[in-house]
Amino acid sequence: MEIAERSRARVQERLARLEQEFGSTPVDQTTFSVGGEAYQRAVERSREGQVDVHAFVHNESGDVLLSDADGSWEIPKGQTRGAERPAAAVERVVTETAGVACTIRDAVRATICGVRNETDPDAETVYRLSIVFDAEINSAKLDSDAAETADDVDASIRWDDASDVAVAELV
């Protein structure tokens, strides 16, 4: 029970920090099975304390930022690094993937993900945390590095109407 207990404790600790920073955030839980390699990645990410972060970034018109991820359009997403706060991670991810700075408005949803190993039914469930943030573009925070990054990624981002059903399904 070591992996399950430790990973659940890490998730609970991160949820407590999230509540301190943003107040009450809706939390749901899901469990799914993955192949052996993906399961091992989940174990390693759990040991490292990584949290999955997603950014629902709005521009001045209310449109939502999407980035090209191997031919499909997604909201920016990534993981925390080391002791990085999830909100700081999502700001970093948005700058890296889209070349724009953003300001976090709120944490809109957290999901506790129970990851099972489909090739080894006796393997313990590993718990991971995934957080969706609501943010707005902040052009005042763009620095020269971010501006250079923006030139490189312009072709791989787009802004879509937030009321579009397809955009709503991304979060």
C-alpha atoms as a PDB file:
ATOM      1  CA  MET A   1       0.000   0.000   0.000  1.00  0.00           C
ATOM      2  CA  GLU A   2       3.038   2.263   0.007  1.00  0.00           C
ATOM      3  CA  ILE A   3       2.573   3.782  -3.475  1.00  0.00           C
ATOM      4  CA  ALA A   4      -1.157   4.329  -3.032  1.00  0.00           C
ATOM      5  CA  GLU A   5      -0.820   5.875   0.439  1.00  0.00           C
ATOM      6  CA  ARG A   6       2.066   8.153  -0.471  1.00  0.00           C
ATOM      7  CA  SER A   7       0.521   9.348  -3.705  1.00  0.00           C
ATOM      8  CA  ARG A   8      -2.843   9.968  -2.019  1.00  0.00           C
ATOM      9  CA  ALA A   9      -1.078  11.944   0.749  1.00  0.00           C
ATOM     10  CA  ARG A  10       0.729  14.081  -1.871  1.00  0.00           C
ATOM     11  CA  VAL A  11      -2.559  14.801  -3.622  1.00  0.00           C
ATOM     12  CA  GLN A  12      -4.263  15.775  -0.343  1.00  0.00           C
ATOM     13  CA  GLU A  13      -1.338  18.058   0.539  1.00  0.00           C
ATOM     14  CA  ARG A  14      -1.526  19.800  -2.846  1.00  0.00           C
ATOM     15  CA  LEU A  15      -5.309  20.177  -2.533  1.00  0.00           C
ATOM     16  CA  ALA A  16      -4.857  21.822   0.882  1.00  0.00           C
ATOM     17  CA  ARG A  17      -2.340  24.282  -0.593  1.00  0.00           C
ATOM     18  CA  LEU A  18      -4.673  24.967  -3.520  1.00  0.00           C
ATOM     19  CA  GLU A  19      -7.496  25.785  -1.106  1.00  0.00           C
ATOM     20  CA  GLN A  20      -5.230  28.142   0.860  1.00  0.00           C
ATOM     21  CA  GLU A  21      -4.325  29.992  -2.318  1.00  0.00           C
ATOM     22  CA  PHE A  22      -7.665  30.012  -4.186  1.00  0.00           C
ATOM     23  CA  GLY A  23     -10.360  29.046  -1.687  1.00  0.00           C
ATOM     24  CA  SER A  24     -12.745  26.189  -2.283  1.00  0.00           C
ATOM     25  CA  THR A  25     -12.299  24.545  -5.689  1.00  0.00           C
ATOM     26  CA  PRO A  26     -14.601  21.815  -7.039  1.00  0.00           C
ATOM     27  CA  VAL A  27     -12.852  18.438  -6.844  1.00  0.00           C
ATOM     28  CA  ASP A  28     -13.830  15.283  -8.663  1.00  0.00           C
ATOM     29  CA  GLN A  29     -12.183  11.897  -8.886  1.00  0.00           C
ATOM     30  CA  THR A  30     -11.739   9.380 -11.664  1.00  0.00           C
ATOM     31  CA  THR A  31      -9.887   6.114 -12.080  1.00  0.00           C
ATOM     32  CA  PHE A  32      -8.532   4.712 -15.319  1.00  0.00           C
ATOM     33  CA  SER A  33      -6.102   2.042 -16.508  1.00  0.00           C
ATOM     34  CA  VAL A  34      -3.036   2.626 -18.648  1.00  0.00           C
ATOM     35  CA  GLY A  35      -0.307   0.439 -20.127  1.00  0.00           C
ATOM     36  CA  GLY A  36       2.773  -0.514 -18.144  1.00  0.00           C
ATOM     37  CA  GLU A  37       5.008   2.297 -19.445  1.00  0.00           C
ATOM     38  CA  ALA A  38       2.410   5.002 -18.810  1.00  0.00           C
ATOM     39  CA  TYR A  39       1.816   3.547 -15.341  1.00  0.00           C
ATOM     40  CA  GLN A  40       5.547   3.777 -14.547  1.00  0.00           C
ATOM     41  CA  ARG A  41       5.563   7.419 -15.729  1.00  0.00           C
ATOM     42  CA  ALA A  42       2.623   8.089 -13.387  1.00  0.00           C
ATOM     43  CA  VAL A  43       4.545   6.478 -10.503  1.00  0.00           C
ATOM     44  CA  GLU A  44       7.634   8.612 -11.231  1.00  0.00           C
ATOM     45  CA  ARG A  45       5.623  11.819 -11.577  1.00  0.00           C
ATOM     46  CA  SER A  46       3.886  11.036  -8.311  1.00  0.00           C
ATOM     47  CA  ARG A  47       7.219  10.434  -6.545  1.00  0.00           C
ATOM     48  CA  GLU A  48       8.452  13.770  -7.901  1.00  0.00           C
ATOM     49  CA  GLY A  49       5.288  15.465  -6.612  1.00  0.00           C
ATOM     50  CA  GLN A  50       4.275  16.639 -10.085  1.00  0.00           C
ATOM     51  CA  VAL A  51       0.816  18.073 -10.649  1.00  0.00           C
ATOM     52  CA  ASP A  52      -0.775  18.266 -14.099  1.00  0.00           C
ATOM     53  CA  VAL A  53      -1.875  21.826 -14.913  1.00  0.00           C
ATOM     54  CA  HIS A  54      -4.166  23.162 -17.640  1.00  0.00           C
ATOM     55  CA  ALA A  55      -4.837  26.801 -18.555  1.00  0.00           C
ATOM     56  CA  PHE A  56      -8.113  28.212 -19.831  1.00  0.00           C
ATOM     57  CA  VAL A  57      -6.604  31.566 -20.971  1.00  0.00           C
ATOM     58  CA  HIS A  58      -8.858  34.397 -22.215  1.00  0.00           C
ATOM     59  CA  ASN A  59      -7.838  37.420 -24.284  1.00  0.00           C
ATOM     60  CA  GLU A  60      -9.399  40.897 -24.090  1.00  0.00           C
ATOM     61  CA  SER A  61     -12.312  39.723 -26.294  1.00  0.00           C
ATOM     62  CA  GLY A  62     -13.023  36.705 -24.101  1.00  0.00           C
ATOM     63  CA  ASP A  63     -11.683  34.229 -26.656  1.00  0.00           C
ATOM     64  CA  VAL A  64      -9.786  31.159 -25.428  1.00  0.00           C
ATOM     65  CA  LEU A  65      -6.166  30.343 -26.239  1.00  0.00           C
ATOM     66  CA  LEU A  66      -5.555  26.999 -27.975  1.00  0.00           C
ATOM     67  CA  SER A  67      -2.221  25.523 -28.993  1.00  0.00           C
ATOM     68  CA  ASP A  68      -1.470  22.937 -31.649  1.00  0.00           C
ATOM     69  CA  ALA A  69      -0.490  19.637 -30.056  1.00  0.00           C
ATOM     70  CA  ASP A  70       0.479  17.275 -32.859  1.00  0.00           C
ATOM     71  CA  GLY A  71      -2.433  18.256 -35.068  1.00  0.00           C
ATOM     72  CA  SER A  72      -5.124  18.724 -32.432  1.00  0.00           C
ATOM     73  CA  TRP A  73      -5.981  21.989 -30.710  1.00  0.00           C
ATOM     74  CA  GLU A  74      -5.740  21.989 -26.896  1.00  0.00           C
ATOM     75  CA  ILE A  75      -5.647  24.421 -24.046  1.00  0.00           C
ATOM     76  CA  PRO A  76      -2.068  24.822 -22.762  1.00  0.00           C
ATOM     77  CA  LYS A  77      -1.075  22.046 -20.361  1.00  0.00           C
ATOM     78  CA  GLY A  78       1.986  20.729 -18.570  1.00  0.00           C
ATOM     79  CA  GLN A  79       3.343  19.683 -15.181  1.00  0.00           C
ATOM     80  CA  THR A  80       4.869  21.334 -12.170  1.00  0.00           C
ATOM     81  CA  ARG A  81       8.642  21.135 -11.731  1.00  0.00           C
ATOM     82  CA  GLY A  82      10.155  20.409  -8.329  1.00  0.00           C
ATOM     83  CA  ALA A  83       8.518  22.513  -5.625  1.00  0.00           C
ATOM     84  CA  GLU A  84       6.897  24.855  -8.172  1.00  0.00           C
ATOM     85  CA  ARG A  85       3.372  25.977  -7.248  1.00  0.00           C
ATOM     86  CA  PRO A  86       0.715  24.813  -9.727  1.00  0.00           C
ATOM     87  CA  ALA A  87      -0.306  28.425 -10.476  1.00  0.00           C
ATOM     88  CA  ALA A  88       3.309  29.350 -11.258  1.00  0.00           C
ATOM     89  CA  ALA A  89       3.632  26.219 -13.405  1.00  0.00           C
ATOM     90  CA  VAL A  90       0.597  27.113 -15.483  1.00  0.00           C
ATOM     91  CA  GLU A  91       1.946  30.634 -16.061  1.00  0.00           C
ATOM     92  CA  ARG A  92       5.256  29.106 -17.200  1.00  0.00           C
ATOM     93  CA  VAL A  93       3.501  26.567 -19.438  1.00  0.00           C
ATOM     94  CA  VAL A  94       1.427  29.271 -21.145  1.00  0.00           C
ATOM     95  CA  THR A  95       4.536  31.350 -21.836  1.00  0.00           C
ATOM     96  CA  GLU A  96       6.461  28.321 -23.136  1.00  0.00           C
ATOM     97  CA  THR A  97       3.686  26.944 -25.338  1.00  0.00           C
ATOM     98  CA  ALA A  98       2.070  30.157 -26.555  1.00  0.00           C
ATOM     99  CA  GLY A  99       4.605  32.917 -26.007  1.00  0.00           C
ATOM    100  CA  VAL A 100       2.205  35.023 -23.942  1.00  0.00           C
ATOM    101  CA  ALA A 101       2.104  35.926 -20.270  1.00  0.00           C
ATOM    102  CA  CYS A 102      -1.049  35.368 -18.259  1.00  0.00           C
ATOM    103  CA  THR A 103      -2.505  36.206 -14.877  1.00  0.00           C
ATOM    104  CA  ILE A 104      -4.271  33.424 -12.995  1.00  0.00           C
ATOM    105  CA  ARG A 105      -7.803  34.383 -11.967  1.00  0.00           C
ATOM    106  CA  ASP A 106      -8.900  31.163 -10.271  1.00  0.00           C
ATOM    107  CA  ALA A 107      -8.537  27.424  -9.969  1.00  0.00           C
ATOM    108  CA  VAL A 108     -11.766  26.193 -11.539  1.00  0.00           C
ATOM    109  CA  ARG A 109     -11.499  22.443 -11.078  1.00  0.00           C
ATOM    110  CA  ALA A 110      -9.237  19.805  -9.573  1.00  0.00           C
ATOM    111  CA  THR A 111      -9.391  16.144 -10.491  1.00  0.00           C
ATOM    112  CA  ILE A 112      -7.884  13.334  -8.464  1.00  0.00           C
ATOM    113  CA  CYS A 113      -6.824  10.709 -11.001  1.00  0.00           C
ATOM    114  CA  GLY A 114      -6.418   7.124  -9.840  1.00  0.00           C
ATOM    115  CA  VAL A 115      -4.056   5.487 -12.323  1.00  0.00           C
ATOM    116  CA  ARG A 116      -4.094   1.690 -12.541  1.00  0.00           C
ATOM    117  CA  ASN A 117      -1.731  -0.618 -14.417  1.00  0.00           C
ATOM    118  CA  GLU A 118      -3.755  -2.562 -16.975  1.00  0.00           C
ATOM    119  CA  THR A 119      -0.931  -5.070 -17.493  1.00  0.00           C
ATOM    120  CA  ASP A 120      -0.544  -5.814 -13.758  1.00  0.00           C
ATOM    121  CA  PRO A 121      -3.859  -5.994 -11.879  1.00  0.00           C
ATOM    122  CA  ASP A 122      -1.979  -6.430  -8.573  1.00  0.00           C
ATOM    123  CA  ALA A 123      -0.149  -3.104  -8.927  1.00  0.00           C
ATOM    124  CA  GLU A 124      -1.337  -0.399  -6.564  1.00  0.00           C
ATOM    125  CA  THR A 125      -3.336   2.569  -7.777  1.00  0.00           C
ATOM    126  CA  VAL A 126      -1.225   5.711  -8.124  1.00  0.00           C
ATOM    127  CA  TYR A 127      -3.005   8.996  -7.407  1.00  0.00           C
ATOM    128  CA  ARG A 128      -2.254  12.125  -9.412  1.00  0.00           C
ATOM    129  CA  LEU A 129      -3.731  15.613  -9.268  1.00  0.00           C
ATOM    130  CA  SER A 130      -4.818  17.621 -12.300  1.00  0.00           C
ATOM    131  CA  ILE A 131      -5.852  21.279 -11.941  1.00  0.00           C
ATOM    132  CA  VAL A 132      -7.605  23.516 -14.478  1.00  0.00           C
ATOM    133  CA  PHE A 133      -6.965  27.238 -14.040  1.00  0.00           C
ATOM    134  CA  ASP A 134      -8.835  30.219 -15.454  1.00  0.00           C
ATOM    135  CA  ALA A 135      -6.493  32.986 -16.597  1.00  0.00           C
ATOM    136  CA  GLU A 136      -6.364  36.122 -18.677  1.00  0.00           C
ATOM    137  CA  ILE A 137      -3.685  37.250 -21.077  1.00  0.00           C
ATOM    138  CA  ASN A 138      -1.438  39.895 -19.587  1.00  0.00           C
ATOM    139  CA  SER A 139       0.456  41.690 -22.321  1.00  0.00           C
ATOM    140  CA  ALA A 140       1.962  44.045 -19.722  1.00  0.00           C
ATOM    141  CA  LYS A 141       3.912  41.083 -18.310  1.00  0.00           C
ATOM    142  CA  LEU A 142       5.470  40.120 -21.640  1.00  0.00           C
ATOM    143  CA  ASP A 143       9.220  40.451 -21.546  1.00  0.00           C
ATOM    144  CA  SER A 144      11.637  40.294 -24.455  1.00  0.00           C
ATOM    145  CA  ASP A 145      12.152  36.524 -24.051  1.00  0.00           C
ATOM    146  CA  ALA A 146       8.402  35.888 -24.144  1.00  0.00           C
ATOM    147  CA  ALA A 147       8.057  38.192 -27.142  1.00  0.00           C
ATOM    148  CA  GLU A 148      10.744  36.215 -28.995  1.00  0.00           C
ATOM    149  CA  THR A 149       8.968  32.979 -28.060  1.00  0.00           C
ATOM    150  CA  ALA A 150       5.692  34.438 -29.347  1.00  0.00           C
ATOM    151  CA  ASP A 151       7.256  35.010 -32.770  1.00  0.00           C
ATOM    152  CA  ASP A 152       8.293  31.343 -32.869  1.00  0.00           C
ATOM    153  CA  VAL A 153       4.884  29.946 -31.876  1.00  0.00           C
ATOM    154  CA  ASP A 154       2.405  32.263 -33.634  1.00  0.00           C
ATOM    155  CA  ALA A 155       1.623  29.587 -36.205  1.00  0.00           C
ATOM    156  CA  SER A 156       0.844  27.016 -33.519  1.00  0.00           C
ATOM    157  CA  ILE A 157      -1.696  29.000 -31.478  1.00  0.00           C
ATOM    158  CA  ARG A 158      -5.158  30.358 -32.110  1.00  0.00           C
ATOM    159  CA  TRP A 159      -7.932  32.088 -30.212  1.00  0.00           C
ATOM    160  CA  ASP A 160     -11.414  30.513 -30.289  1.00  0.00           C
ATOM    161  CA  ASP A 161     -14.779  31.796 -29.109  1.00  0.00           C
ATOM    162  CA  ALA A 162     -15.232  30.700 -25.480  1.00  0.00           C
ATOM    163  CA  SER A 163     -18.883  29.837 -26.115  1.00  0.00           C
ATOM    164  CA  ASP A 164     -17.903  27.327 -28.815  1.00  0.00           C
ATOM    165  CA  VAL A 165     -18.958  23.832 -27.731  1.00  0.00           C
ATOM    166  CA  ALA A 166     -15.631  22.384 -28.891  1.00  0.00           C
ATOM    167  CA  VAL A 167     -13.736  24.787 -26.620  1.00  0.00           C
ATOM    168  CA  ALA A 168     -15.930  23.885 -23.642  1.00  0.00           C
ATOM    169  CA  GLU A 169     -15.088  20.211 -24.175  1.00  0.00           C
ATOM    170  CA  LEU A 170     -11.367  20.942 -23.826  1.00  0.00           C
ATOM    171  CA  VAL A 171     -11.631  21.710 -20.136  1.00  0.00           C
END
